[in-house]
Structures are given as C-alpha cells and as structure tokens.
Amino acid sequence: MKVLNYRVLLRKEPEGGYTVTVPSLPGCVTHGTTLEEALAMAKEAVELYLESLRAHGESIPTDESTLEYTLTVHDGA
C-alpha cells in the first residue's frame, strides 16, 4: 500500500470548531469541534474520498507537484 500525504487547511469558525478542506481533493470538506477531532475527521474524509475514486476507476490526485506560498496584501482600508 502506497503512503499518500495531503495538505489540509483548517479554519477556526466563529461559532466554534474547525472546518477542514483538502485542496487537492475538490469537495473534500469536513468539520470538527477540536483540532484533534477535525484532523481525525479529515483523515476519514480523505480515505472515503479515495475509496470512492478507486471504486469509480478514477485517478488518485496527489500533492506531489503542489507548491505552497502565502501572499501578503493590504486591504486598502
């Protein structure tokens, strides 16, 4: 079994908890009330997403060629 690594983005929500998205897997979004729960839910969501791709004979995307950079901009206010 090949080990795959995916970058996840966590956003703290004003009403509580964290929303997690996986940029390399469009539509792969989940939520958890704590960081630990959000990461556990993300792992499960990724595993289910990949399982669905395999079941439909689709290719498995990876983060191998993804570059990450943070841009700083001024909001003009």
PDB file of N, CA and C in Angstrom:
ATOM      1  N   MET A   1       0.842  -1.180   0.000  1.00  0.00           N
ATOM      2  CA  MET A   1       0.000   0.000   0.000  1.00  0.00           C
ATOM      3  C   MET A   1       0.889   1.245   0.000  1.00  0.00           C
ATOM      4  N   LYS A   2       0.631   2.153  -0.912  1.00  0.00           N
ATOM      5  CA  LYS A   2       1.394   3.389  -1.044  1.00  0.00           C
ATOM      6  C   LYS A   2       0.921   4.408   0.000  1.00  0.00           C
ATOM      7  N   VAL A   3       1.864   5.118   0.593  1.00  0.00           N
ATOM      8  CA  VAL A   3       1.530   6.161   1.558  1.00  0.00           C
ATOM      9  C   VAL A   3       1.354   7.481   0.803  1.00  0.00           C
ATOM     10  N   LEU A   4       0.227   8.131   1.004  1.00  0.00           N
ATOM     11  CA  LEU A   4      -0.061   9.411   0.362  1.00  0.00           C
ATOM     12  C   LEU A   4      -0.169  10.494   1.428  1.00  0.00           C
ATOM     13  N   ASN A   5       0.344  11.662   1.121  1.00  0.00           N
ATOM     14  CA  ASN A   5       0.250  12.800   2.029  1.00  0.00           C
ATOM     15  C   ASN A   5      -0.561  13.902   1.364  1.00  0.00           C
ATOM     16  N   TYR A   6      -1.475  14.492   2.120  1.00  0.00           N
ATOM     17  CA  TYR A   6      -2.300  15.578   1.611  1.00  0.00           C
ATOM     18  C   TYR A   6      -2.228  16.772   2.550  1.00  0.00           C
ATOM     19  N   ARG A   7      -2.126  17.944   1.953  1.00  0.00           N
ATOM     20  CA  ARG A   7      -2.154  19.189   2.711  1.00  0.00           C
ATOM     21  C   ARG A   7      -3.610  19.482   3.041  1.00  0.00           C
ATOM     22  N   VAL A   8      -3.870  19.849   4.285  1.00  0.00           N
ATOM     23  CA  VAL A   8      -5.219  20.224   4.703  1.00  0.00           C
ATOM     24  C   VAL A   8      -5.178  21.653   5.234  1.00  0.00           C
ATOM     25  N   LEU A   9      -6.269  22.361   5.039  1.00  0.00           N
ATOM     26  CA  LEU A   9      -6.401  23.718   5.547  1.00  0.00           C
ATOM     27  C   LEU A   9      -7.475  23.719   6.614  1.00  0.00           C
ATOM     28  N   LEU A  10      -7.148  24.272   7.766  1.00  0.00           N
ATOM     29  CA  LEU A  10      -8.098  24.332   8.879  1.00  0.00           C
ATOM     30  C   LEU A  10      -8.473  25.783   9.119  1.00  0.00           C
ATOM     31  N   ARG A  11      -9.761  26.027   9.239  1.00  0.00           N
ATOM     32  CA  ARG A  11     -10.256  27.376   9.500  1.00  0.00           C
ATOM     33  C   ARG A  11     -11.073  27.357  10.786  1.00  0.00           C
ATOM     34  N   LYS A  12     -10.658  28.182  11.760  1.00  0.00           N
ATOM     35  CA  LYS A  12     -11.422  28.290  13.004  1.00  0.00           C
ATOM     36  C   LYS A  12     -12.703  29.050  12.705  1.00  0.00           C
ATOM     37  N   GLU A  13     -13.824  28.474  13.071  1.00  0.00           N
ATOM     38  CA  GLU A  13     -15.119  29.069  12.775  1.00  0.00           C
ATOM     39  C   GLU A  13     -15.608  29.927  13.939  1.00  0.00           C
ATOM     40  N   PRO A  14     -16.261  31.059  13.658  1.00  0.00           N
ATOM     41  CA  PRO A  14     -16.741  31.949  14.715  1.00  0.00           C
ATOM     42  C   PRO A  14     -17.725  31.274  15.674  1.00  0.00           C
ATOM     43  N   GLU A  15     -18.518  30.343  15.150  1.00  0.00           N
ATOM     44  CA  GLU A  15     -19.499  29.655  16.008  1.00  0.00           C
ATOM     45  C   GLU A  15     -18.884  28.478  16.756  1.00  0.00           C
ATOM     46  N   GLY A  16     -17.594  28.232  16.523  1.00  0.00           N
ATOM     47  CA  GLY A  16     -16.877  27.157  17.208  1.00  0.00           C
ATOM     48  C   GLY A  16     -16.470  26.055  16.258  1.00  0.00           C
ATOM     49  N   GLY A  17     -15.421  25.393  16.605  1.00  0.00           N
ATOM     50  CA  GLY A  17     -14.934  24.280  15.811  1.00  0.00           C
ATOM     51  C   GLY A  17     -14.079  24.721  14.642  1.00  0.00           C
ATOM     52  N   TYR A  18     -13.738  23.756  13.809  1.00  0.00           N
ATOM     53  CA  TYR A  18     -12.843  23.978  12.682  1.00  0.00           C
ATOM     54  C   TYR A  18     -13.401  23.320  11.429  1.00  0.00           C
ATOM     55  N   THR A  19     -13.345  24.047  10.330  1.00  0.00           N
ATOM     56  CA  THR A  19     -13.671  23.484   9.036  1.00  0.00           C
ATOM     57  C   THR A  19     -12.363  23.088   8.374  1.00  0.00           C
ATOM     58  N   VAL A  20     -12.347  21.904   7.787  1.00  0.00           N
ATOM     59  CA  VAL A  20     -11.141  21.391   7.139  1.00  0.00           C
ATOM     60  C   VAL A  20     -11.436  21.163   5.657  1.00  0.00           C
ATOM     61  N   THR A  21     -10.538  21.663   4.803  1.00  0.00           N
ATOM     62  CA  THR A  21     -10.639  21.405   3.371  1.00  0.00           C
ATOM     63  C   THR A  21      -9.336  20.765   2.906  1.00  0.00           C
ATOM     64  N   VAL A  22      -9.445  19.985   1.826  1.00  0.00           N
ATOM     65  CA  VAL A  22      -8.288  19.321   1.231  1.00  0.00           C
ATOM     66  C   VAL A  22      -8.183  19.839  -0.204  1.00  0.00           C
ATOM     67  N   PRO A  23      -7.296  20.821  -0.443  1.00  0.00           N
ATOM     68  CA  PRO A  23      -7.249  21.463  -1.757  1.00  0.00           C
ATOM     69  C   PRO A  23      -7.061  20.518  -2.939  1.00  0.00           C
ATOM     70  N   SER A  24      -6.317  19.454  -2.780  1.00  0.00           N
ATOM     71  CA  SER A  24      -6.077  18.526  -3.891  1.00  0.00           C
ATOM     72  C   SER A  24      -7.260  17.612  -4.188  1.00  0.00           C
ATOM     73  N   LEU A  25      -8.245  17.611  -3.296  1.00  0.00           N
ATOM     74  CA  LEU A  25      -9.421  16.753  -3.472  1.00  0.00           C
ATOM     75  C   LEU A  25     -10.664  17.641  -3.461  1.00  0.00           C
ATOM     76  N   PRO A  26     -11.054  18.169  -4.613  1.00  0.00           N
ATOM     77  CA  PRO A  26     -12.188  19.098  -4.684  1.00  0.00           C
ATOM     78  C   PRO A  26     -13.443  18.555  -4.005  1.00  0.00           C
ATOM     79  N   GLY A  27     -14.012  19.373  -3.142  1.00  0.00           N
ATOM     80  CA  GLY A  27     -15.233  18.982  -2.446  1.00  0.00           C
ATOM     81  C   GLY A  27     -14.993  18.185  -1.180  1.00  0.00           C
ATOM     82  N   CYS A  28     -13.750  17.883  -0.865  1.00  0.00           N
ATOM     83  CA  CYS A  28     -13.446  17.129   0.354  1.00  0.00           C
ATOM     84  C   CYS A  28     -13.353  18.124   1.514  1.00  0.00           C
ATOM     85  N   VAL A  29     -14.450  18.220   2.262  1.00  0.00           N
ATOM     86  CA  VAL A  29     -14.588  19.183   3.354  1.00  0.00           C
ATOM     87  C   VAL A  29     -15.193  18.468   4.548  1.00  0.00           C
ATOM     88  N   THR A  30     -14.714  18.793   5.744  1.00  0.00           N
ATOM     89  CA  THR A  30     -15.285  18.213   6.947  1.00  0.00           C
ATOM     90  C   THR A  30     -15.161  19.216   8.081  1.00  0.00           C
ATOM     91  N   HIS A  31     -15.565  18.823   9.276  1.00  0.00           N
ATOM     92  CA  HIS A  31     -15.608  19.739  10.417  1.00  0.00           C
ATOM     93  C   HIS A  31     -15.342  18.955  11.694  1.00  0.00           C
ATOM     94  N   GLY A  32     -14.758  19.637  12.677  1.00  0.00           N
ATOM     95  CA  GLY A  32     -14.576  19.039  13.997  1.00  0.00           C
ATOM     96  C   GLY A  32     -14.634  20.126  15.051  1.00  0.00           C
ATOM     97  N   THR A  33     -15.039  19.759  16.259  1.00  0.00           N
ATOM     98  CA  THR A  33     -15.159  20.759  17.321  1.00  0.00           C
ATOM     99  C   THR A  33     -13.811  21.127  17.928  1.00  0.00           C
ATOM    100  N   THR A  34     -12.831  20.215  17.855  1.00  0.00           N
ATOM    101  CA  THR A  34     -11.470  20.483  18.325  1.00  0.00           C
ATOM    102  C   THR A  34     -10.503  20.230  17.173  1.00  0.00           C
ATOM    103  N   LEU A  35      -9.276  20.699  17.322  1.00  0.00           N
ATOM    104  CA  LEU A  35      -8.273  20.424  16.289  1.00  0.00           C
ATOM    105  C   LEU A  35      -8.083  18.927  16.091  1.00  0.00           C
ATOM    106  N   GLU A  36      -8.019  18.195  17.186  1.00  0.00           N
ATOM    107  CA  GLU A  36      -7.805  16.755  17.110  1.00  0.00           C
ATOM    108  C   GLU A  36      -8.960  16.071  16.371  1.00  0.00           C
ATOM    109  N   GLU A  37     -10.184  16.458  16.710  1.00  0.00           N
ATOM    110  CA  GLU A  37     -11.347  15.870  16.041  1.00  0.00           C
ATOM    111  C   GLU A  37     -11.376  16.266  14.565  1.00  0.00           C
ATOM    112  N   ALA A  38     -11.054  17.532  14.274  1.00  0.00           N
ATOM    113  CA  ALA A  38     -11.064  17.999  12.881  1.00  0.00           C
ATOM    114  C   ALA A  38     -10.051  17.218  12.056  1.00  0.00           C
ATOM    115  N   LEU A  39      -8.876  16.964  12.598  1.00  0.00           N
ATOM    116  CA  LEU A  39      -7.856  16.205  11.859  1.00  0.00           C
ATOM    117  C   LEU A  39      -8.261  14.751  11.688  1.00  0.00           C
ATOM    118  N   ALA A  40      -8.877  14.167  12.710  1.00  0.00           N
ATOM    119  CA  ALA A  40      -9.358  12.783  12.595  1.00  0.00           C
ATOM    120  C   ALA A  40     -10.455  12.694  11.534  1.00  0.00           C
ATOM    121  N   MET A  41     -11.343  13.673  11.528  1.00  0.00           N
ATOM    122  CA  MET A  41     -12.415  13.695  10.528  1.00  0.00           C
ATOM    123  C   MET A  41     -11.832  13.896   9.133  1.00  0.00           C
ATOM    124  N   ALA A  42     -10.786  14.709   9.023  1.00  0.00           N
ATOM    125  CA  ALA A  42     -10.141  14.936   7.732  1.00  0.00           C
ATOM    126  C   ALA A  42      -9.528  13.645   7.204  1.00  0.00           C
ATOM    127  N   LYS A  43      -8.870  12.898   8.067  1.00  0.00           N
ATOM    128  CA  LYS A  43      -8.268  11.629   7.647  1.00  0.00           C
ATOM    129  C   LYS A  43      -9.352  10.681   7.132  1.00  0.00           C
ATOM    130  N   GLU A  44     -10.444  10.598   7.858  1.00  0.00           N
ATOM    131  CA  GLU A  44     -11.549   9.728   7.433  1.00  0.00           C
ATOM    132  C   GLU A  44     -12.139  10.208   6.107  1.00  0.00           C
ATOM    133  N   ALA A  45     -12.315  11.522   5.963  1.00  0.00           N
ATOM    134  CA  ALA A  45     -12.885  12.072   4.729  1.00  0.00           C
ATOM    135  C   ALA A  45     -11.984  11.775   3.536  1.00  0.00           C
ATOM    136  N   VAL A  46     -10.674  11.918   3.709  1.00  0.00           N
ATOM    137  CA  VAL A  46      -9.733  11.632   2.622  1.00  0.00           C
ATOM    138  C   VAL A  46      -9.794  10.149   2.254  1.00  0.00           C
ATOM    139  N   GLU A  47      -9.792   9.283   3.250  1.00  0.00           N
ATOM    140  CA  GLU A  47      -9.848   7.845   2.982  1.00  0.00           C
ATOM    141  C   GLU A  47     -11.110   7.476   2.211  1.00  0.00           C
ATOM    142  N   LEU A  48     -12.246   8.041   2.598  1.00  0.00           N
ATOM    143  CA  LEU A  48     -13.504   7.754   1.900  1.00  0.00           C
ATOM    144  C   LEU A  48     -13.506   8.340   0.491  1.00  0.00           C
ATOM    145  N   TYR A  49     -12.933   9.517   0.331  1.00  0.00           N
ATOM    146  CA  TYR A  49     -12.841  10.160  -0.981  1.00  0.00           C
ATOM    147  C   TYR A  49     -12.023   9.281  -1.922  1.00  0.00           C
ATOM    148  N   LEU A  50     -10.863   8.822  -1.447  1.00  0.00           N
ATOM    149  CA  LEU A  50     -10.001   7.967  -2.276  1.00  0.00           C
ATOM    150  C   LEU A  50     -10.674   6.639  -2.592  1.00  0.00           C
ATOM    151  N   GLU A  51     -11.387   6.092  -1.626  1.00  0.00           N
ATOM    152  CA  GLU A  51     -12.122   4.838  -1.840  1.00  0.00           C
ATOM    153  C   GLU A  51     -13.153   5.019  -2.956  1.00  0.00           C
ATOM    154  N   SER A  52     -13.842   6.153  -2.956  1.00  0.00           N
ATOM    155  CA  SER A  52     -14.835   6.437  -3.999  1.00  0.00           C
ATOM    156  C   SER A  52     -14.164   6.584  -5.365  1.00  0.00           C
ATOM    157  N   LEU A  53     -13.017   7.290  -5.406  1.00  0.00           N
ATOM    158  CA  LEU A  53     -12.299   7.422  -6.675  1.00  0.00           C
ATOM    159  C   LEU A  53     -11.906   6.059  -7.229  1.00  0.00           C
ATOM    160  N   ARG A  54     -11.369   5.202  -6.363  1.00  0.00           N
ATOM    161  CA  ARG A  54     -10.964   3.854  -6.800  1.00  0.00           C
ATOM    162  C   ARG A  54     -12.164   3.063  -7.317  1.00  0.00           C
ATOM    163  N   ALA A  55     -13.271   3.149  -6.602  1.00  0.00           N
ATOM    164  CA  ALA A  55     -14.475   2.405  -6.984  1.00  0.00           C
ATOM    165  C   ALA A  55     -14.999   2.838  -8.349  1.00  0.00           C
ATOM    166  N   HIS A  56     -14.748   4.083  -8.711  1.00  0.00           N
ATOM    167  CA  HIS A  56     -15.209   4.607  -9.997  1.00  0.00           C
ATOM    168  C   HIS A  56     -14.116   4.597 -11.056  1.00  0.00           C
ATOM    169  N   GLY A  57     -12.986   3.969 -10.743  1.00  0.00           N
ATOM    170  CA  GLY A  57     -11.902   3.855 -11.713  1.00  0.00           C
ATOM    171  C   GLY A  57     -11.218   5.168 -12.054  1.00  0.00           C
ATOM    172  N   GLU A  58     -11.315   6.140 -11.158  1.00  0.00           N
ATOM    173  CA  GLU A  58     -10.699   7.445 -11.399  1.00  0.00           C
ATOM    174  C   GLU A  58      -9.291   7.494 -10.824  1.00  0.00           C
ATOM    175  N   SER A  59      -8.482   8.393 -11.358  1.00  0.00           N
ATOM    176  CA  SER A  59      -7.103   8.508 -10.872  1.00  0.00           C
ATOM    177  C   SER A  59      -7.077   9.193  -9.506  1.00  0.00           C
ATOM    178  N   ILE A  60      -6.031   8.891  -8.764  1.00  0.00           N
ATOM    179  CA  ILE A  60      -5.862   9.431  -7.415  1.00  0.00           C
ATOM    180  C   ILE A  60      -4.945  10.651  -7.488  1.00  0.00           C
ATOM    181  N   PRO A  61      -5.462  11.859  -7.202  1.00  0.00           N
ATOM    182  CA  PRO A  61      -4.608  13.038  -7.227  1.00  0.00           C
ATOM    183  C   PRO A  61      -3.681  13.056  -6.012  1.00  0.00           C
ATOM    184  N   THR A  62      -2.537  13.709  -6.164  1.00  0.00           N
ATOM    185  CA  THR A  62      -1.600  13.841  -5.050  1.00  0.00           C
ATOM    186  C   THR A  62      -1.166  15.301  -4.922  1.00  0.00           C
ATOM    187  N   ASP A  63      -0.480  15.587  -3.842  1.00  0.00           N
ATOM    188  CA  ASP A  63       0.074  16.916  -3.596  1.00  0.00           C
ATOM    189  C   ASP A  63       1.519  17.030  -4.077  1.00  0.00           C
ATOM    190  N   GLU A  64       2.044  16.002  -4.734  1.00  0.00           N
ATOM    191  CA  GLU A  64       3.459  15.965  -5.075  1.00  0.00           C
ATOM    192  C   GLU A  64       3.935  17.175  -5.875  1.00  0.00           C
ATOM    193  N   SER A  65       3.116  17.693  -6.771  1.00  0.00           N
ATOM    194  CA  SER A  65       3.548  18.826  -7.588  1.00  0.00           C
ATOM    195  C   SER A  65       2.943  20.149  -7.116  1.00  0.00           C
ATOM    196  N   THR A  66       2.364  20.155  -5.920  1.00  0.00           N
ATOM    197  CA  THR A  66       1.744  21.362  -5.389  1.00  0.00           C
ATOM    198  C   THR A  66       2.779  22.219  -4.679  1.00  0.00           C
ATOM    199  N   LEU A  67       2.807  23.479  -5.041  1.00  0.00           N
ATOM    200  CA  LEU A  67       3.656  24.448  -4.360  1.00  0.00           C
ATOM    201  C   LEU A  67       2.778  25.269  -3.428  1.00  0.00           C
ATOM    202  N   GLU A  68       3.342  25.672  -2.310  1.00  0.00           N
ATOM    203  CA  GLU A  68       2.566  26.464  -1.351  1.00  0.00           C
ATOM    204  C   GLU A  68       3.303  27.760  -1.079  1.00  0.00           C
ATOM    205  N   TYR A  69       2.553  28.845  -1.070  1.00  0.00           N
ATOM    206  CA  TYR A  69       3.123  30.151  -0.810  1.00  0.00           C
ATOM    207  C   TYR A  69       2.039  31.004  -0.171  1.00  0.00           C
ATOM    208  N   THR A  70       2.417  31.841   0.781  1.00  0.00           N
ATOM    209  CA  THR A  70       1.468  32.744   1.412  1.00  0.00           C
ATOM    210  C   THR A  70       1.701  34.152   0.896  1.00  0.00           C
ATOM    211  N   LEU A  71       0.673  34.753   0.337  1.00  0.00           N
ATOM    212  CA  LEU A  71       0.757  36.117  -0.157  1.00  0.00           C
ATOM    213  C   LEU A  71       0.274  37.081   0.913  1.00  0.00           C
ATOM    214  N   THR A  72       0.929  38.231   1.031  1.00  0.00           N
ATOM    215  CA  THR A  72       0.506  39.270   1.942  1.00  0.00           C
ATOM    216  C   THR A  72       0.018  40.440   1.104  1.00  0.00           C
ATOM    217  N   VAL A  73      -1.203  40.886   1.359  1.00  0.00           N
ATOM    218  CA  VAL A  73      -1.778  42.013   0.632  1.00  0.00           C
ATOM    219  C   VAL A  73      -2.361  43.001   1.629  1.00  0.00           C
ATOM    220  N   HIS A  74      -2.550  44.226   1.201  1.00  0.00           N
ATOM    221  CA  HIS A  74      -3.184  45.249   2.024  1.00  0.00           C
ATOM    222  C   HIS A  74      -4.629  45.377   1.586  1.00  0.00           C
ATOM    223  N   ASP A  75      -5.530  45.534   2.538  1.00  0.00           N
ATOM    224  CA  ASP A  75      -6.945  45.581   2.187  1.00  0.00           C
ATOM    225  C   ASP A  75      -7.395  46.968   1.727  1.00  0.00           C
ATOM    226  N   GLY A  76      -6.520  47.947   1.753  1.00  0.00           N
ATOM    227  CA  GLY A  76      -6.848  49.281   1.255  1.00  0.00           C
ATOM    228  C   GLY A  76      -7.653  50.126   2.222  1.00  0.00           C
ATOM    229  N   ALA A  77      -7.952  49.600   3.396  1.00  0.00           N
ATOM    230  CA  ALA A  77      -8.747  50.372   4.368  1.00  0.00           C
ATOM    231  C   ALA A  77      -7.860  51.272   5.203  1.00  0.00           C
TER     232      ALA A  77
END
